[in-house]
PDB file of N, CA and C in Angstrom:
ATOM      1  N   MET A   1      21.333  -7.015  -0.307  1.00  0.00           N
ATOM      2  CA  MET A   1      20.060  -6.496   0.036  1.00  0.00           C
ATOM      3  C   MET A   1      19.036  -7.534  -0.542  1.00  0.00           C
ATOM      4  N   ALA A   2      17.894  -7.852   0.315  1.00  0.00           N
ATOM      5  CA  ALA A   2      16.817  -8.755  -0.096  1.00  0.00           C
ATOM      6  C   ALA A   2      16.539  -8.567  -1.346  1.00  0.00           C
ATOM      7  N   LYS A   3      15.842  -9.358  -2.284  1.00  0.00           N
ATOM      8  CA  LYS A   3      14.993  -9.107  -3.379  1.00  0.00           C
ATOM      9  C   LYS A   3      13.602  -8.469  -2.920  1.00  0.00           C
ATOM     10  N   LYS A   4      12.917  -7.967  -3.900  1.00  0.00           N
ATOM     11  CA  LYS A   4      11.841  -7.691  -3.272  1.00  0.00           C
ATOM     12  C   LYS A   4      10.748  -8.023  -4.727  1.00  0.00           C
ATOM     13  N   LEU A   5      10.211  -9.165  -4.572  1.00  0.00           N
ATOM     14  CA  LEU A   5       9.475  -9.736  -5.813  1.00  0.00           C
ATOM     15  C   LEU A   5       8.022  -9.595  -5.937  1.00  0.00           C
ATOM     16  N   LEU A   6       7.737  -9.326  -7.482  1.00  0.00           N
ATOM     17  CA  LEU A   6       6.221  -9.298  -7.626  1.00  0.00           C
ATOM     18  C   LEU A   6       5.921 -10.401  -8.471  1.00  0.00           C
ATOM     19  N   PHE A   7       4.888 -10.662  -8.421  1.00  0.00           N
ATOM     20  CA  PHE A   7       4.322 -11.627  -9.567  1.00  0.00           C
ATOM     21  C   PHE A   7       3.489 -11.111 -10.657  1.00  0.00           C
ATOM     22  N   ILE A   8       3.682 -11.140 -11.806  1.00  0.00           N
ATOM     23  CA  ILE A   8       3.026 -10.390 -13.096  1.00  0.00           C
ATOM     24  C   ILE A   8       2.279 -11.438 -13.913  1.00  0.00           C
ATOM     25  N   THR A   9       1.232 -11.510 -14.001  1.00  0.00           N
ATOM     26  CA  THR A   9       0.535 -12.585 -14.661  1.00  0.00           C
ATOM     27  C   THR A   9      -0.398 -11.632 -15.996  1.00  0.00           C
ATOM     28  N   VAL A  10      -0.185 -12.225 -17.315  1.00  0.00           N
ATOM     29  CA  VAL A  10      -0.736 -11.369 -18.482  1.00  0.00           C
ATOM     30  C   VAL A  10      -1.708 -12.773 -19.131  1.00  0.00           C
ATOM     31  N   ILE A  11      -2.908 -12.330 -19.573  1.00  0.00           N
ATOM     32  CA  ILE A  11      -3.573 -13.064 -20.626  1.00  0.00           C
ATOM     33  C   ILE A  11      -4.189 -12.391 -21.403  1.00  0.00           C
ATOM     34  N   GLY A  12      -4.337 -13.119 -22.784  1.00  0.00           N
ATOM     35  CA  GLY A  12      -4.921 -12.291 -23.502  1.00  0.00           C
ATOM     36  C   GLY A  12      -4.965 -13.063 -25.088  1.00  0.00           C
ATOM     37  N   LYS A  13      -5.873 -12.744 -25.970  1.00  0.00           N
ATOM     38  CA  LYS A  13      -5.472 -13.390 -27.488  1.00  0.00           C
ATOM     39  C   LYS A  13      -4.049 -13.243 -27.974  1.00  0.00           C
ATOM     40  N   ASP A  14      -3.438 -14.258 -28.549  1.00  0.00           N
ATOM     41  CA  ASP A  14      -2.016 -14.396 -28.672  1.00  0.00           C
ATOM     42  C   ASP A  14      -2.113 -13.547 -29.921  1.00  0.00           C
ATOM     43  N   ARG A  15      -0.746 -12.773 -29.997  1.00  0.00           N
ATOM     44  CA  ARG A  15      -0.430 -11.968 -30.664  1.00  0.00           C
ATOM     45  C   ARG A  15       0.837 -11.620 -30.726  1.00  0.00           C
ATOM     46  N   LYS A  16       2.067 -11.320 -31.908  1.00  0.00           N
ATOM     47  CA  LYS A  16       3.273 -11.145 -31.604  1.00  0.00           C
ATOM     48  C   LYS A  16       3.480  -9.934 -30.862  1.00  0.00           C
ATOM     49  N   GLY A  17       4.531  -9.819 -30.232  1.00  0.00           N
ATOM     50  CA  GLY A  17       5.251  -9.148 -29.404  1.00  0.00           C
ATOM     51  C   GLY A  17       4.856  -8.525 -27.910  1.00  0.00           C
ATOM     52  N   ILE A  18       3.933  -9.645 -27.484  1.00  0.00           N
ATOM     53  CA  ILE A  18       3.439  -9.477 -26.221  1.00  0.00           C
ATOM     54  C   ILE A  18       4.792  -9.696 -25.099  1.00  0.00           C
ATOM     55  N   VAL A  19       5.485 -10.539 -25.367  1.00  0.00           N
ATOM     56  CA  VAL A  19       6.792 -10.771 -24.323  1.00  0.00           C
ATOM     57  C   VAL A  19       7.948  -9.389 -24.604  1.00  0.00           C
ATOM     58  N   ALA A  20       7.898  -9.336 -25.790  1.00  0.00           N
ATOM     59  CA  ALA A  20       8.682  -8.165 -26.205  1.00  0.00           C
ATOM     60  C   ALA A  20       8.079  -6.629 -25.624  1.00  0.00           C
ATOM     61  N   ARG A  21       7.194  -6.438 -25.745  1.00  0.00           N
ATOM     62  CA  ARG A  21       6.615  -5.004 -25.174  1.00  0.00           C
ATOM     63  C   ARG A  21       6.403  -5.378 -23.562  1.00  0.00           C
ATOM     64  N   ILE A  22       6.213  -6.340 -23.249  1.00  0.00           N
ATOM     65  CA  ILE A  22       6.382  -6.545 -21.617  1.00  0.00           C
ATOM     66  C   ILE A  22       7.567  -6.101 -20.894  1.00  0.00           C
ATOM     67  N   SER A  23       8.543  -7.028 -21.638  1.00  0.00           N
ATOM     68  CA  SER A  23       9.984  -7.457 -20.999  1.00  0.00           C
ATOM     69  C   SER A  23      10.470  -5.810 -21.478  1.00  0.00           C
ATOM     70  N   ASN A  24      10.316  -4.966 -22.441  1.00  0.00           N
ATOM     71  CA  ASN A  24      11.045  -3.602 -22.465  1.00  0.00           C
ATOM     72  C   ASN A  24      10.318  -2.716 -21.500  1.00  0.00           C
ATOM     73  N   LEU A  25       9.251  -3.031 -21.106  1.00  0.00           N
ATOM     74  CA  LEU A  25       8.730  -1.833 -20.044  1.00  0.00           C
ATOM     75  C   LEU A  25       9.397  -2.244 -19.014  1.00  0.00           C
ATOM     76  N   LEU A  26       9.433  -3.167 -18.495  1.00  0.00           N
ATOM     77  CA  LEU A  26      10.524  -3.718 -17.472  1.00  0.00           C
ATOM     78  C   LEU A  26      11.872  -3.339 -17.733  1.00  0.00           C
ATOM     79  N   PHE A  27      12.342  -3.432 -18.475  1.00  0.00           N
ATOM     80  CA  PHE A  27      13.787  -3.330 -18.742  1.00  0.00           C
ATOM     81  C   PHE A  27      13.986  -1.516 -18.789  1.00  0.00           C
ATOM     82  N   LYS A  28      12.796  -0.784 -18.966  1.00  0.00           N
ATOM     83  CA  LYS A  28      13.002   0.569 -18.709  1.00  0.00           C
ATOM     84  C   LYS A  28      12.678   1.012 -17.484  1.00  0.00           C
ATOM     85  N   LYS A  29      12.714   0.577 -16.822  1.00  0.00           N
ATOM     86  CA  LYS A  29      12.117   0.623 -15.234  1.00  0.00           C
ATOM     87  C   LYS A  29      13.209  -0.136 -14.587  1.00  0.00           C
ATOM     88  N   ASN A  30      13.978  -0.715 -14.966  1.00  0.00           N
ATOM     89  CA  ASN A  30      15.197  -1.216 -14.247  1.00  0.00           C
ATOM     90  C   ASN A  30      15.105  -2.584 -13.428  1.00  0.00           C
ATOM     91  N   ILE A  31      14.093  -3.126 -13.686  1.00  0.00           N
ATOM     92  CA  ILE A  31      13.440  -4.339 -13.294  1.00  0.00           C
ATOM     93  C   ILE A  31      14.001  -5.320 -13.618  1.00  0.00           C
ATOM     94  N   ASN A  32      14.525  -6.511 -12.745  1.00  0.00           N
ATOM     95  CA  ASN A  32      14.822  -7.807 -13.528  1.00  0.00           C
ATOM     96  C   ASN A  32      13.871  -9.030 -13.364  1.00  0.00           C
ATOM     97  N   ILE A  33      13.744  -9.544 -14.937  1.00  0.00           N
ATOM     98  CA  ILE A  33      12.732 -10.693 -14.671  1.00  0.00           C
ATOM     99  C   ILE A  33      13.848 -12.038 -14.151  1.00  0.00           C
ATOM    100  N   GLU A  34      13.147 -12.627 -12.617  1.00  0.00           N
ATOM    101  CA  GLU A  34      13.717 -13.600 -12.140  1.00  0.00           C
ATOM    102  C   GLU A  34      13.356 -14.861 -12.835  1.00  0.00           C
ATOM    103  N   ASP A  35      12.090 -15.174 -13.405  1.00  0.00           N
ATOM    104  CA  ASP A  35      11.207 -16.642 -14.054  1.00  0.00           C
ATOM    105  C   ASP A  35      10.587 -15.753 -14.723  1.00  0.00           C
ATOM    106  N   ILE A  36      10.295 -16.670 -15.813  1.00  0.00           N
ATOM    107  CA  ILE A  36       9.115 -16.316 -16.838  1.00  0.00           C
ATOM    108  C   ILE A  36       8.963 -17.725 -17.423  1.00  0.00           C
ATOM    109  N   SER A  37       7.360 -17.783 -17.413  1.00  0.00           N
ATOM    110  CA  SER A  37       6.772 -19.229 -17.820  1.00  0.00           C
ATOM    111  C   SER A  37       5.380 -18.363 -19.090  1.00  0.00           C
ATOM    112  N   GLN A  38       5.160 -19.056 -20.390  1.00  0.00           N
ATOM    113  CA  GLN A  38       4.401 -18.721 -21.128  1.00  0.00           C
ATOM    114  C   GLN A  38       4.113 -19.795 -21.976  1.00  0.00           C
ATOM    115  N   LYS A  39       2.541 -19.737 -22.038  1.00  0.00           N
ATOM    116  CA  LYS A  39       2.211 -20.828 -22.699  1.00  0.00           C
ATOM    117  C   LYS A  39       0.867 -20.483 -23.642  1.00  0.00           C
ATOM    118  N   ILE A  40       0.520 -21.024 -24.786  1.00  0.00           N
ATOM    119  CA  ILE A  40      -0.415 -20.596 -25.702  1.00  0.00           C
ATOM    120  C   ILE A  40      -1.458 -21.850 -25.277  1.00  0.00           C
ATOM    121  N   ILE A  41      -2.617 -21.456 -25.047  1.00  0.00           N
ATOM    122  CA  ILE A  41      -3.944 -22.049 -24.856  1.00  0.00           C
ATOM    123  C   ILE A  41      -5.110 -21.849 -25.966  1.00  0.00           C
ATOM    124  N   ARG A  42      -5.087 -22.915 -26.638  1.00  0.00           N
ATOM    125  CA  ARG A  42      -5.920 -22.781 -28.105  1.00  0.00           C
ATOM    126  C   ARG A  42      -5.424 -21.413 -28.516  1.00  0.00           C
ATOM    127  N   LYS A  43      -6.130 -20.347 -28.650  1.00  0.00           N
ATOM    128  CA  LYS A  43      -5.785 -18.866 -28.906  1.00  0.00           C
ATOM    129  C   LYS A  43      -5.199 -17.992 -28.066  1.00  0.00           C
ATOM    130  N   TYR A  44      -5.272 -18.557 -27.082  1.00  0.00           N
ATOM    131  CA  TYR A  44      -4.679 -17.315 -26.070  1.00  0.00           C
ATOM    132  C   TYR A  44      -3.492 -17.247 -25.238  1.00  0.00           C
ATOM    133  N   PHE A  45      -2.876 -16.317 -25.130  1.00  0.00           N
ATOM    134  CA  PHE A  45      -1.835 -16.233 -24.699  1.00  0.00           C
ATOM    135  C   PHE A  45      -1.787 -16.214 -22.626  1.00  0.00           C
ATOM    136  N   VAL A  46      -0.806 -17.096 -22.222  1.00  0.00           N
ATOM    137  CA  VAL A  46      -1.012 -17.146 -21.002  1.00  0.00           C
ATOM    138  C   VAL A  46       0.698 -16.721 -19.880  1.00  0.00           C
ATOM    139  N   MET A  47       0.928 -15.820 -19.602  1.00  0.00           N
ATOM    140  CA  MET A  47       2.404 -15.577 -19.007  1.00  0.00           C
ATOM    141  C   MET A  47       1.882 -15.356 -17.620  1.00  0.00           C
ATOM    142  N   ALA A  48       3.386 -16.083 -17.037  1.00  0.00           N
ATOM    143  CA  ALA A  48       3.392 -15.585 -15.489  1.00  0.00           C
ATOM    144  C   ALA A  48       5.070 -15.389 -15.324  1.00  0.00           C
ATOM    145  N   MET A  49       5.048 -14.015 -14.599  1.00  0.00           N
ATOM    146  CA  MET A  49       6.609 -13.910 -14.317  1.00  0.00           C
ATOM    147  C   MET A  49       6.717 -13.339 -12.858  1.00  0.00           C
ATOM    148  N   LEU A  50       7.947 -13.435 -12.402  1.00  0.00           N
ATOM    149  CA  LEU A  50       8.541 -13.057 -11.219  1.00  0.00           C
ATOM    150  C   LEU A  50       9.615 -12.037 -11.750  1.00  0.00           C
ATOM    151  N   VAL A  51       9.369 -11.122 -10.942  1.00  0.00           N
ATOM    152  CA  VAL A  51      10.172 -10.050 -11.023  1.00  0.00           C
ATOM    153  C   VAL A  51      10.629  -9.420  -9.934  1.00  0.00           C
ATOM    154  N   ASP A  52      12.005  -8.810  -9.710  1.00  0.00           N
ATOM    155  CA  ASP A  52      12.634  -8.122  -8.685  1.00  0.00           C
ATOM    156  C   ASP A  52      12.418  -6.734  -9.012  1.00  0.00           C
ATOM    157  N   ILE A  53      12.070  -6.006  -8.312  1.00  0.00           N
ATOM    158  CA  ILE A  53      11.848  -4.560  -8.209  1.00  0.00           C
ATOM    159  C   ILE A  53      12.827  -3.564  -7.303  1.00  0.00           C
ATOM    160  N   LYS A  54      13.669  -4.600  -6.484  1.00  0.00           N
ATOM    161  CA  LYS A  54      14.612  -3.824  -5.420  1.00  0.00           C
ATOM    162  C   LYS A  54      15.232  -2.812  -6.408  1.00  0.00           C
ATOM    163  N   GLU A  55      15.703  -2.757  -7.604  1.00  0.00           N
ATOM    164  CA  GLU A  55      16.599  -1.615  -8.220  1.00  0.00           C
ATOM    165  C   GLU A  55      15.738  -0.915  -9.119  1.00  0.00           C
ATOM    166  N   ALA A  56      14.426  -1.036  -9.189  1.00  0.00           N
ATOM    167  CA  ALA A  56      13.598  -0.176 -10.042  1.00  0.00           C
ATOM    168  C   ALA A  56      13.670   1.061  -9.879  1.00  0.00           C
ATOM    169  N   ASN A  57      13.689   1.795 -10.910  1.00  0.00           N
ATOM    170  CA  ASN A  57      13.430   3.514 -10.636  1.00  0.00           C
ATOM    171  C   ASN A  57      11.711   4.145 -10.631  1.00  0.00           C
ATOM    172  N   CYS A  58      10.821   3.079 -10.057  1.00  0.00           N
ATOM    173  CA  CYS A  58       9.820   3.627  -9.742  1.00  0.00           C
ATOM    174  C   CYS A  58       9.199   2.579  -8.911  1.00  0.00           C
ATOM    175  N   ASP A  59       7.948   2.879  -7.985  1.00  0.00           N
ATOM    176  CA  ASP A  59       7.297   2.113  -7.081  1.00  0.00           C
ATOM    177  C   ASP A  59       6.503   1.242  -7.681  1.00  0.00           C
ATOM    178  N   MET A  60       5.766   0.240  -6.990  1.00  0.00           N
ATOM    179  CA  MET A  60       5.044  -0.813  -7.603  1.00  0.00           C
ATOM    180  C   MET A  60       3.617  -0.422  -7.755  1.00  0.00           C
ATOM    181  N   GLU A  61       3.387   0.622  -7.333  1.00  0.00           N
ATOM    182  CA  GLU A  61       2.120   1.326  -7.983  1.00  0.00           C
ATOM    183  C   GLU A  61       2.071   1.919  -9.439  1.00  0.00           C
ATOM    184  N   LYS A  62       3.508   2.522  -9.319  1.00  0.00           N
ATOM    185  CA  LYS A  62       3.767   2.939 -10.976  1.00  0.00           C
ATOM    186  C   LYS A  62       3.457   1.803 -11.720  1.00  0.00           C
ATOM    187  N   ILE A  63       4.673   0.814 -11.377  1.00  0.00           N
ATOM    188  CA  ILE A  63       4.993  -0.391 -12.242  1.00  0.00           C
ATOM    189  C   ILE A  63       3.389  -0.966 -12.752  1.00  0.00           C
ATOM    190  N   SER A  64       2.558  -1.240 -11.272  1.00  0.00           N
ATOM    191  CA  SER A  64       1.164  -2.061 -11.839  1.00  0.00           C
ATOM    192  C   SER A  64       0.343  -1.005 -12.713  1.00  0.00           C
ATOM    193  N   LYS A  65       0.518   0.377 -12.806  1.00  0.00           N
ATOM    194  CA  LYS A  65      -0.370   1.204 -13.624  1.00  0.00           C
ATOM    195  C   LYS A  65       0.468   1.129 -14.699  1.00  0.00           C
ATOM    196  N   ASP A  66       1.498   1.470 -15.297  1.00  0.00           N
ATOM    197  CA  ASP A  66       2.126   1.388 -16.284  1.00  0.00           C
ATOM    198  C   ASP A  66       1.823  -0.384 -17.124  1.00  0.00           C
ATOM    199  N   LEU A  67       1.921  -1.229 -16.404  1.00  0.00           N
ATOM    200  CA  LEU A  67       1.696  -2.468 -17.108  1.00  0.00           C
ATOM    201  C   LEU A  67       0.275  -2.597 -17.425  1.00  0.00           C
ATOM    202  N   GLN A  68      -0.405  -2.202 -16.472  1.00  0.00           N
ATOM    203  CA  GLN A  68      -2.002  -2.339 -16.915  1.00  0.00           C
ATOM    204  C   GLN A  68      -2.501  -1.471 -18.187  1.00  0.00           C
ATOM    205  N   ALA A  69      -1.743  -0.488 -18.182  1.00  0.00           N
ATOM    206  CA  ALA A  69      -2.204   0.469 -19.299  1.00  0.00           C
ATOM    207  C   ALA A  69      -1.639  -0.190 -20.420  1.00  0.00           C
ATOM    208  N   LEU A  70      -0.330  -0.763 -20.848  1.00  0.00           N
ATOM    209  CA  LEU A  70       0.362  -1.334 -21.751  1.00  0.00           C
ATOM    210  C   LEU A  70      -1.054  -2.824 -22.096  1.00  0.00           C
ATOM    211  N   GLY A  71      -1.430  -2.936 -21.367  1.00  0.00           N
ATOM    212  CA  GLY A  71      -2.207  -4.582 -21.354  1.00  0.00           C
ATOM    213  C   GLY A  71      -3.339  -3.773 -21.921  1.00  0.00           C
ATOM    214  N   LYS A  72      -4.131  -2.840 -21.643  1.00  0.00           N
ATOM    215  CA  LYS A  72      -5.208  -2.558 -22.092  1.00  0.00           C
ATOM    216  C   LYS A  72      -4.939  -2.085 -23.724  1.00  0.00           C
ATOM    217  N   GLU A  73      -3.959  -1.436 -23.865  1.00  0.00           N
ATOM    218  CA  GLU A  73      -3.503  -1.114 -25.222  1.00  0.00           C
ATOM    219  C   GLU A  73      -3.450  -2.254 -26.025  1.00  0.00           C
ATOM    220  N   MET A  74      -2.987  -3.700 -25.470  1.00  0.00           N
ATOM    221  CA  MET A  74      -2.778  -4.420 -26.206  1.00  0.00           C
ATOM    222  C   MET A  74      -3.868  -5.591 -26.410  1.00  0.00           C
ATOM    223  N   GLY A  75      -4.926  -5.352 -25.443  1.00  0.00           N
ATOM    224  CA  GLY A  75      -6.097  -5.930 -25.281  1.00  0.00           C
ATOM    225  C   GLY A  75      -5.780  -7.100 -24.618  1.00  0.00           C
ATOM    226  N   LEU A  76      -4.870  -6.936 -23.734  1.00  0.00           N
ATOM    227  CA  LEU A  76      -4.663  -7.973 -22.606  1.00  0.00           C
ATOM    228  C   LEU A  76      -5.322  -7.613 -21.243  1.00  0.00           C
ATOM    229  N   ILE A  77      -5.114  -8.639 -20.451  1.00  0.00           N
ATOM    230  CA  ILE A  77      -5.561  -8.281 -18.885  1.00  0.00           C
ATOM    231  C   ILE A  77      -4.126  -8.651 -18.518  1.00  0.00           C
ATOM    232  N   VAL A  78      -3.424  -7.553 -17.598  1.00  0.00           N
ATOM    233  CA  VAL A  78      -2.370  -7.810 -16.625  1.00  0.00           C
ATOM    234  C   VAL A  78      -2.765  -7.454 -15.052  1.00  0.00           C
ATOM    235  N   GLN A  79      -2.511  -8.273 -14.290  1.00  0.00           N
ATOM    236  CA  GLN A  79      -2.387  -8.280 -12.843  1.00  0.00           C
ATOM    237  C   GLN A  79      -0.987  -8.540 -12.212  1.00  0.00           C
ATOM    238  N   VAL A  80      -0.690  -7.282 -11.148  1.00  0.00           N
ATOM    239  CA  VAL A  80       0.370  -7.416 -10.372  1.00  0.00           C
ATOM    240  C   VAL A  80       0.062  -7.530  -9.053  1.00  0.00           C
ATOM    241  N   GLN A  81       1.002  -8.526  -8.406  1.00  0.00           N
ATOM    242  CA  GLN A  81       0.679  -9.069  -6.770  1.00  0.00           C
ATOM    243  C   GLN A  81       2.123  -9.241  -6.525  1.00  0.00           C
ATOM    244  N   HIS A  82       2.270  -8.207  -4.788  1.00  0.00           N
ATOM    245  CA  HIS A  82       3.401  -8.548  -4.229  1.00  0.00           C
ATOM    246  C   HIS A  82       3.424  -9.870  -3.634  1.00  0.00           C
ATOM    247  N   GLU A  83       4.841 -10.473  -3.734  1.00  0.00           N
ATOM    248  CA  GLU A  83       4.980 -12.157  -3.540  1.00  0.00           C
ATOM    249  C   GLU A  83       4.299 -12.134  -2.099  1.00  0.00           C
ATOM    250  N   ASN A  84       4.390 -11.240  -0.844  1.00  0.00           N
ATOM    251  CA  ASN A  84       3.855 -11.453   0.330  1.00  0.00           C
ATOM    252  C   ASN A  84       2.301 -11.762   0.328  1.00  0.00           C
ATOM    253  N   ILE A  85       1.857 -10.708  -0.841  1.00  0.00           N
ATOM    254  CA  ILE A  85       0.487 -10.983  -1.059  1.00  0.00           C
ATOM    255  C   ILE A  85       0.237 -12.536  -1.271  1.00  0.00           C
ATOM    256  N   PHE A  86       0.761 -12.855  -2.283  1.00  0.00           N
ATOM    257  CA  PHE A  86       0.897 -14.228  -3.171  1.00  0.00           C
ATOM    258  C   PHE A  86       1.114 -15.171  -1.860  1.00  0.00           C
ATOM    259  N   LYS A  87       1.887 -15.133  -1.073  1.00  0.00           N
ATOM    260  CA  LYS A  87       2.481 -16.436  -0.133  1.00  0.00           C
ATOM    261  C   LYS A  87       1.540 -16.245   0.887  1.00  0.00           C
ATOM    262  N   MET A  88       0.661 -15.134   1.214  1.00  0.00           N
ATOM    263  CA  MET A  88      -0.345 -14.976   2.187  1.00  0.00           C
ATOM    264  C   MET A  88      -1.913 -15.657   1.612  1.00  0.00           C
ATOM    265  N   MET A  89      -2.002 -15.738   0.698  1.00  0.00           N
ATOM    266  CA  MET A  89      -2.958 -16.211   0.140  1.00  0.00           C
ATOM    267  C   MET A  89      -3.005 -17.651  -0.195  1.00  0.00           C
ATOM    268  N   HIS A  90      -1.658 -18.438  -0.738  1.00  0.00           N
ATOM    269  CA  HIS A  90      -1.713 -19.704  -0.786  1.00  0.00           C
ATOM    270  C   HIS A  90      -1.004 -20.486   0.559  1.00  0.00           C
ATOM    271  N   ARG A  91      -1.027 -20.247   1.571  1.00  0.00           N
ATOM    272  CA  ARG A  91      -0.723 -20.044   2.786  1.00  0.00           C
ATOM    273  C   ARG A  91      -1.831 -21.930   3.283  1.00  0.00           C
ATOM    274  N   ILE A  92      -1.232 -22.639   3.841  1.00  0.00           N
ATOM    275  CA  ILE A  92      -1.999 -23.828   4.005  1.00  0.00           C
ATOM    276  C   ILE A  92      -2.430 -23.644   5.588  1.00  0.00           C
TER     277      ILE A  92
END
């Protein structure tokens, strides 16, 4: 079965526990992290993740809503984008 990939970006003031809380939410939804990159730029945390939701226990809309709620609680901006939309936006 083909993977169903989403891009997740997280931006906000750096603090402890960001990666742990985001990855824990994904774990509880049975979502696999395929790739992850994070960096601190000045005092800001920036993370990009590629995740596979093919075995997730909920749909993309619920995943996005829950990630954005967690982001709001933590003072972060969280964006979720399906791989196909990302590819279409970045075609030459």
